Amino acid sequence: MLRRQARERREYLQRRAQEERLRRQQDKKEQLRQALDENRLLPTELRRQALALQKELEFETPGENGEPTPRCDGQPGR
């Protein structure tokens, strides 16, 4: 019983930590997207991560007309 409670608590804490990391990542992406859309300087805390975040944004954002952006490897999408 105690082992089960300890395992469940550990899993809960790990899940919360992962959700927090994902939320912070999304917040950073949103700040970057706003800065790029409004043609402002990037916030200082994002400058180191800006290129990696921008690459992730390119894959997440749909292209024109809501279609996904074309793949760069020359293979047709499936």
C-alpha atoms as a PDB file:
ATOM      1  CA  MET A   1       0.000   0.000   0.000  1.00  0.00           C
ATOM      2  CA  LEU A   2       2.742   2.474   0.907  1.00  0.00           C
ATOM      3  CA  ARG A   3       4.744   1.548  -2.175  1.00  0.00           C
ATOM      4  CA  ARG A   4       1.726   2.141  -4.362  1.00  0.00           C
ATOM      5  CA  GLN A   5       1.060   5.542  -2.801  1.00  0.00           C
ATOM      6  CA  ALA A   6       4.721   6.505  -3.152  1.00  0.00           C
ATOM      7  CA  ARG A   7       4.718   5.421  -6.821  1.00  0.00           C
ATOM      8  CA  GLU A   8       1.500   7.306  -7.552  1.00  0.00           C
ATOM      9  CA  ARG A   9       2.835  10.435  -5.850  1.00  0.00           C
ATOM     10  CA  ARG A  10       6.101  10.201  -7.801  1.00  0.00           C
ATOM     11  CA  GLU A  11       4.215   9.759 -11.094  1.00  0.00           C
ATOM     12  CA  TYR A  12       1.972  12.701 -10.227  1.00  0.00           C
ATOM     13  CA  LEU A  13       4.947  14.951  -9.501  1.00  0.00           C
ATOM     14  CA  GLN A  14       6.692  13.882 -12.699  1.00  0.00           C
ATOM     15  CA  ARG A  15       3.551  14.550 -14.732  1.00  0.00           C
ATOM     16  CA  ARG A  16       3.156  18.003 -13.178  1.00  0.00           C
ATOM     17  CA  ALA A  17       6.806  18.845 -13.855  1.00  0.00           C
ATOM     18  CA  GLN A  18       6.449  17.778 -17.488  1.00  0.00           C
ATOM     19  CA  GLU A  19       3.273  19.832 -17.912  1.00  0.00           C
ATOM     20  CA  GLU A  20       5.042  22.854 -16.428  1.00  0.00           C
ATOM     21  CA  ARG A  21       7.966  22.432 -18.850  1.00  0.00           C
ATOM     22  CA  LEU A  22       5.562  22.210 -21.797  1.00  0.00           C
ATOM     23  CA  ARG A  23       3.629  25.262 -20.604  1.00  0.00           C
ATOM     24  CA  ARG A  24       6.827  27.308 -20.279  1.00  0.00           C
ATOM     25  CA  GLN A  25       7.912  26.176 -23.761  1.00  0.00           C
ATOM     26  CA  GLN A  26       4.548  27.247 -25.204  1.00  0.00           C
ATOM     27  CA  ASP A  27       4.796  30.612 -23.436  1.00  0.00           C
ATOM     28  CA  LYS A  28       8.234  31.193 -24.946  1.00  0.00           C
ATOM     29  CA  LYS A  29       6.981  30.263 -28.411  1.00  0.00           C
ATOM     30  CA  GLU A  30       4.062  32.646 -28.036  1.00  0.00           C
ATOM     31  CA  GLN A  31       6.368  35.484 -26.951  1.00  0.00           C
ATOM     32  CA  LEU A  32       8.626  34.789 -29.931  1.00  0.00           C
ATOM     33  CA  ARG A  33       5.674  34.661 -32.327  1.00  0.00           C
ATOM     34  CA  GLN A  34       4.352  37.995 -31.019  1.00  0.00           C
ATOM     35  CA  ALA A  35       7.770  39.637 -31.252  1.00  0.00           C
ATOM     36  CA  LEU A  36       8.196  38.446 -34.844  1.00  0.00           C
ATOM     37  CA  ASP A  37       4.664  39.460 -35.858  1.00  0.00           C
ATOM     38  CA  GLU A  38       5.019  42.934 -34.365  1.00  0.00           C
ATOM     39  CA  ASN A  39       8.610  43.364 -35.606  1.00  0.00           C
ATOM     40  CA  ARG A  40       9.921  44.040 -32.099  1.00  0.00           C
ATOM     41  CA  LEU A  41      13.202  43.102 -30.470  1.00  0.00           C
ATOM     42  CA  LEU A  42      13.235  39.684 -28.878  1.00  0.00           C
ATOM     43  CA  PRO A  43      13.015  39.536 -25.109  1.00  0.00           C
ATOM     44  CA  THR A  44      16.472  38.988 -23.631  1.00  0.00           C
ATOM     45  CA  GLU A  45      15.538  35.691 -21.996  1.00  0.00           C
ATOM     46  CA  LEU A  46      14.572  34.274 -25.416  1.00  0.00           C
ATOM     47  CA  ARG A  47      17.520  35.409 -27.478  1.00  0.00           C
ATOM     48  CA  ARG A  48      19.609  32.287 -26.885  1.00  0.00           C
ATOM     49  CA  GLN A  49      16.752  29.944 -27.698  1.00  0.00           C
ATOM     50  CA  ALA A  50      15.175  31.969 -30.484  1.00  0.00           C
ATOM     51  CA  LEU A  51      16.493  29.942 -33.435  1.00  0.00           C
ATOM     52  CA  ALA A  52      15.442  26.596 -31.993  1.00  0.00           C
ATOM     53  CA  LEU A  53      12.027  27.968 -31.050  1.00  0.00           C
ATOM     54  CA  GLN A  54      11.573  29.456 -34.501  1.00  0.00           C
ATOM     55  CA  LYS A  55      12.307  26.096 -36.137  1.00  0.00           C
ATOM     56  CA  GLU A  56       9.696  24.467 -33.905  1.00  0.00           C
ATOM     57  CA  LEU A  57       7.208  27.206 -34.781  1.00  0.00           C
ATOM     58  CA  GLU A  58       7.733  26.586 -38.505  1.00  0.00           C
ATOM     59  CA  PHE A  59       6.755  22.947 -38.080  1.00  0.00           C
ATOM     60  CA  GLU A  60       3.732  23.737 -35.904  1.00  0.00           C
ATOM     61  CA  THR A  61       2.252  26.621 -37.888  1.00  0.00           C
ATOM     62  CA  PRO A  62       0.133  25.718 -40.924  1.00  0.00           C
ATOM     63  CA  GLY A  63       0.937  27.371 -44.219  1.00  0.00           C
ATOM     64  CA  GLU A  64      -1.417  29.519 -46.266  1.00  0.00           C
ATOM     65  CA  ASN A  65      -5.029  28.337 -46.546  1.00  0.00           C
ATOM     66  CA  GLY A  66      -4.582  26.195 -43.423  1.00  0.00           C
ATOM     67  CA  GLU A  67      -2.505  23.608 -45.250  1.00  0.00           C
ATOM     68  CA  PRO A  68       0.594  22.207 -43.573  1.00  0.00           C
ATOM     69  CA  THR A  69       3.895  23.542 -44.810  1.00  0.00           C
ATOM     70  CA  PRO A  70       5.577  21.369 -47.466  1.00  0.00           C
ATOM     71  CA  ARG A  71       8.178  18.894 -46.341  1.00  0.00           C
ATOM     72  CA  CYS A  72      11.776  19.800 -47.068  1.00  0.00           C
ATOM     73  CA  ASP A  73      13.155  16.309 -47.617  1.00  0.00           C
ATOM     74  CA  GLY A  74      11.595  15.910 -51.067  1.00  0.00           C
ATOM     75  CA  GLN A  75       9.324  13.065 -50.012  1.00  0.00           C
ATOM     76  CA  PRO A  76       5.597  13.429 -50.491  1.00  0.00           C
ATOM     77  CA  GLY A  77       3.560  13.810 -47.337  1.00  0.00           C
ATOM     78  CA  ARG A  78       1.490  10.888 -46.147  1.00  0.00           C
END
